[in-house]
Amino acid sequence: MLNDKIMNLNPYSSTVLSLAGLLLAGMGLYFIFIRPPLLPEALSYMGITLQNTKANIPGLLNWLQKVNRFNSLPDS
């Protein structure tokens, strides 16, 4: 009787591992499809505007579009 009870226990580790995997996959999809490549907070932290970035570092925006090809740049 006790042996049957032990054999019927469902391991929670597989459930936790599956949920963690789904969370990781969801975060990856968020970063690929939803999050913009250059956040407005990053521009304000650096103390520059988007126009200033386009003038001084023109290759940065091209590189960001290649790296994050599914996202658009923030409007300014």
N, C-alpha and C. Protein backbone atom coordinates (compact mmCIF):
# COMPACT_ATOMS: atom_id res chain seq x y z
N MET A 1 0.82 -1.20 0.00
CA MET A 1 0.00 0.00 0.00
C MET A 1 0.87 1.27 0.00
N LEU A 2 1.87 1.29 0.86
CA LEU A 2 2.77 2.43 0.92
C LEU A 2 3.59 2.55 -0.35
N ASN A 3 3.98 1.42 -0.91
CA ASN A 3 4.75 1.40 -2.14
C ASN A 3 3.95 1.99 -3.30
N ASP A 4 2.65 1.72 -3.38
CA ASP A 4 1.80 2.27 -4.42
C ASP A 4 1.67 3.79 -4.29
N LYS A 5 1.59 4.25 -3.05
CA LYS A 5 1.48 5.68 -2.81
C LYS A 5 2.74 6.41 -3.26
N ILE A 6 3.89 5.84 -3.01
CA ILE A 6 5.15 6.46 -3.39
C ILE A 6 5.27 6.48 -4.92
N MET A 7 4.84 5.44 -5.59
CA MET A 7 4.97 5.36 -7.03
C MET A 7 4.02 6.32 -7.75
N ASN A 8 2.94 6.76 -7.11
CA ASN A 8 1.95 7.62 -7.75
C ASN A 8 2.22 9.11 -7.54
N LEU A 9 3.28 9.45 -6.82
CA LEU A 9 3.58 10.86 -6.60
C LEU A 9 4.03 11.50 -7.91
N ASN A 10 3.47 12.65 -8.20
CA ASN A 10 3.82 13.39 -9.41
C ASN A 10 4.99 14.31 -9.08
N PRO A 11 6.11 14.17 -9.78
CA PRO A 11 7.24 15.05 -9.46
C PRO A 11 6.95 16.49 -9.90
N TYR A 12 7.12 17.40 -8.97
CA TYR A 12 6.86 18.81 -9.26
C TYR A 12 8.01 19.44 -10.03
N SER A 13 9.15 18.80 -10.03
CA SER A 13 10.30 19.39 -10.70
C SER A 13 10.07 19.50 -12.21
N SER A 14 9.40 18.53 -12.80
CA SER A 14 9.14 18.61 -14.24
C SER A 14 8.16 19.73 -14.56
N THR A 15 7.21 19.97 -13.69
CA THR A 15 6.26 21.07 -13.89
C THR A 15 6.97 22.42 -13.77
N VAL A 16 7.80 22.55 -12.75
CA VAL A 16 8.53 23.80 -12.55
C VAL A 16 9.48 24.05 -13.71
N LEU A 17 10.16 23.02 -14.17
CA LEU A 17 11.07 23.16 -15.29
C LEU A 17 10.33 23.55 -16.57
N SER A 18 9.16 22.98 -16.78
CA SER A 18 8.35 23.33 -17.96
C SER A 18 7.88 24.78 -17.89
N LEU A 19 7.43 25.21 -16.73
CA LEU A 19 6.99 26.60 -16.58
C LEU A 19 8.14 27.58 -16.77
N ALA A 20 9.31 27.23 -16.27
CA ALA A 20 10.48 28.10 -16.46
C ALA A 20 10.86 28.17 -17.93
N GLY A 21 10.76 27.07 -18.65
CA GLY A 21 11.05 27.06 -20.07
C GLY A 21 10.07 27.91 -20.86
N LEU A 22 8.79 27.82 -20.50
CA LEU A 22 7.78 28.65 -21.16
C LEU A 22 8.00 30.13 -20.88
N LEU A 23 8.39 30.45 -19.65
CA LEU A 23 8.68 31.84 -19.30
C LEU A 23 9.87 32.35 -20.10
N LEU A 24 10.90 31.54 -20.22
CA LEU A 24 12.08 31.94 -20.99
C LEU A 24 11.75 32.12 -22.47
N ALA A 25 10.95 31.22 -23.02
CA ALA A 25 10.54 31.35 -24.42
C ALA A 25 9.69 32.61 -24.62
N GLY A 26 8.81 32.90 -23.69
CA GLY A 26 7.98 34.10 -23.77
C GLY A 26 8.82 35.37 -23.72
N MET A 27 9.83 35.39 -22.85
CA MET A 27 10.70 36.55 -22.78
C MET A 27 11.50 36.71 -24.07
N GLY A 28 11.92 35.63 -24.66
CA GLY A 28 12.64 35.70 -25.92
C GLY A 28 11.77 36.26 -27.03
N LEU A 29 10.52 35.81 -27.10
CA LEU A 29 9.59 36.34 -28.10
C LEU A 29 9.32 37.82 -27.89
N TYR A 30 9.24 38.23 -26.63
CA TYR A 30 9.05 39.65 -26.34
C TYR A 30 10.22 40.47 -26.88
N PHE A 31 11.45 40.01 -26.62
CA PHE A 31 12.62 40.76 -27.07
C PHE A 31 12.76 40.75 -28.58
N ILE A 32 12.27 39.72 -29.25
CA ILE A 32 12.39 39.64 -30.71
C ILE A 32 11.32 40.49 -31.40
N PHE A 33 10.08 40.40 -30.95
CA PHE A 33 8.98 40.99 -31.71
C PHE A 33 8.40 42.28 -31.15
N ILE A 34 8.51 42.52 -29.85
CA ILE A 34 7.78 43.65 -29.26
C ILE A 34 8.70 44.79 -28.82
N ARG A 35 9.78 44.47 -28.14
CA ARG A 35 10.65 45.50 -27.57
C ARG A 35 11.38 46.25 -28.68
N PRO A 36 11.36 47.59 -28.64
CA PRO A 36 12.11 48.36 -29.63
C PRO A 36 13.61 48.23 -29.39
N PRO A 37 14.41 48.34 -30.45
CA PRO A 37 15.85 48.15 -30.29
C PRO A 37 16.54 49.26 -29.50
N LEU A 38 16.04 50.47 -29.58
CA LEU A 38 16.62 51.59 -28.85
C LEU A 38 15.50 52.25 -28.05
N LEU A 39 15.51 52.05 -26.75
CA LEU A 39 14.45 52.59 -25.91
C LEU A 39 14.62 54.09 -25.72
N PRO A 40 13.51 54.82 -25.59
CA PRO A 40 13.61 56.26 -25.34
C PRO A 40 14.38 56.57 -24.05
N GLU A 41 14.30 55.67 -23.05
CA GLU A 41 15.03 55.88 -21.81
C GLU A 41 16.54 55.84 -22.05
N ALA A 42 16.97 55.03 -23.02
CA ALA A 42 18.39 54.96 -23.33
C ALA A 42 18.89 56.27 -23.90
N LEU A 43 18.07 56.89 -24.75
CA LEU A 43 18.47 58.18 -25.31
C LEU A 43 18.54 59.25 -24.23
N SER A 44 17.58 59.27 -23.31
CA SER A 44 17.61 60.28 -22.26
C SER A 44 18.74 60.01 -21.27
N TYR A 45 19.06 58.73 -21.06
CA TYR A 45 20.18 58.39 -20.17
C TYR A 45 21.50 58.86 -20.78
N MET A 46 21.63 58.70 -22.08
CA MET A 46 22.85 59.15 -22.76
C MET A 46 22.87 60.66 -22.94
N GLY A 47 21.73 61.32 -22.75
CA GLY A 47 21.65 62.77 -22.86
C GLY A 47 21.68 63.27 -24.29
N ILE A 48 21.16 62.48 -25.21
CA ILE A 48 21.13 62.87 -26.62
C ILE A 48 19.73 62.67 -27.18
N THR A 49 19.49 63.25 -28.34
CA THR A 49 18.21 63.06 -29.02
C THR A 49 18.41 62.08 -30.18
N LEU A 50 17.32 61.63 -30.74
CA LEU A 50 17.40 60.71 -31.88
C LEU A 50 18.02 61.42 -33.09
N GLN A 51 17.70 62.70 -33.28
CA GLN A 51 18.28 63.45 -34.39
C GLN A 51 19.79 63.61 -34.20
N ASN A 52 20.21 63.85 -32.96
CA ASN A 52 21.63 63.97 -32.65
C ASN A 52 22.34 62.64 -32.91
N THR A 53 21.70 61.56 -32.59
CA THR A 53 22.28 60.24 -32.84
C THR A 53 22.42 59.99 -34.33
N LYS A 54 21.40 60.36 -35.09
CA LYS A 54 21.46 60.17 -36.55
C LYS A 54 22.60 60.99 -37.16
N ALA A 55 22.84 62.18 -36.62
CA ALA A 55 23.88 63.05 -37.18
C ALA A 55 25.28 62.60 -36.76
N ASN A 56 25.44 62.20 -35.51
CA ASN A 56 26.79 61.90 -34.99
C ASN A 56 27.19 60.44 -35.13
N ILE A 57 26.23 59.53 -35.05
CA ILE A 57 26.54 58.10 -35.14
C ILE A 57 25.59 57.46 -36.16
N PRO A 58 25.77 57.73 -37.44
CA PRO A 58 24.83 57.21 -38.43
C PRO A 58 24.83 55.70 -38.54
N GLY A 59 25.94 55.06 -38.27
CA GLY A 59 26.01 53.60 -38.37
C GLY A 59 25.26 52.88 -37.27
N LEU A 60 25.02 53.56 -36.14
CA LEU A 60 24.32 52.92 -35.02
C LEU A 60 22.90 52.52 -35.40
N LEU A 61 22.18 53.40 -36.03
CA LEU A 61 20.79 53.11 -36.38
C LEU A 61 20.71 52.01 -37.43
N ASN A 62 21.64 52.01 -38.40
CA ASN A 62 21.66 50.92 -39.38
C ASN A 62 21.96 49.58 -38.72
N TRP A 63 22.90 49.60 -37.77
CA TRP A 63 23.26 48.37 -37.08
C TRP A 63 22.08 47.87 -36.24
N LEU A 64 21.39 48.78 -35.56
CA LEU A 64 20.25 48.39 -34.74
C LEU A 64 19.14 47.79 -35.59
N GLN A 65 18.94 48.31 -36.79
CA GLN A 65 17.92 47.75 -37.67
C GLN A 65 18.30 46.37 -38.15
N LYS A 66 19.59 46.11 -38.36
CA LYS A 66 20.03 44.78 -38.78
C LYS A 66 19.94 43.78 -37.65
N VAL A 67 20.34 44.20 -36.45
CA VAL A 67 20.31 43.30 -35.30
C VAL A 67 18.88 43.01 -34.89
N ASN A 68 18.05 44.01 -34.89
CA ASN A 68 16.65 43.87 -34.48
C ASN A 68 15.75 44.09 -35.69
N ARG A 69 15.83 43.21 -36.65
CA ARG A 69 15.15 43.43 -37.93
C ARG A 69 13.63 43.40 -37.83
N PHE A 70 13.06 42.89 -36.74
CA PHE A 70 11.61 42.84 -36.60
C PHE A 70 11.07 44.07 -35.89
N ASN A 71 11.93 44.85 -35.26
CA ASN A 71 11.49 45.99 -34.46
C ASN A 71 11.71 47.28 -35.23
N SER A 72 10.99 48.31 -34.81
CA SER A 72 11.19 49.62 -35.40
C SER A 72 11.87 50.51 -34.37
N LEU A 73 12.50 51.56 -34.84
CA LEU A 73 13.16 52.49 -33.94
C LEU A 73 12.13 53.40 -33.30
N PRO A 74 12.45 53.94 -32.11
CA PRO A 74 11.47 54.80 -31.42
C PRO A 74 11.26 56.11 -32.18
N ASP A 75 10.04 56.60 -32.12
CA ASP A 75 9.74 57.88 -32.75
C ASP A 75 10.19 59.00 -31.83
N SER A 76 10.66 60.06 -32.44
CA SER A 76 11.13 61.16 -31.62
C SER A 76 10.61 62.47 -32.16
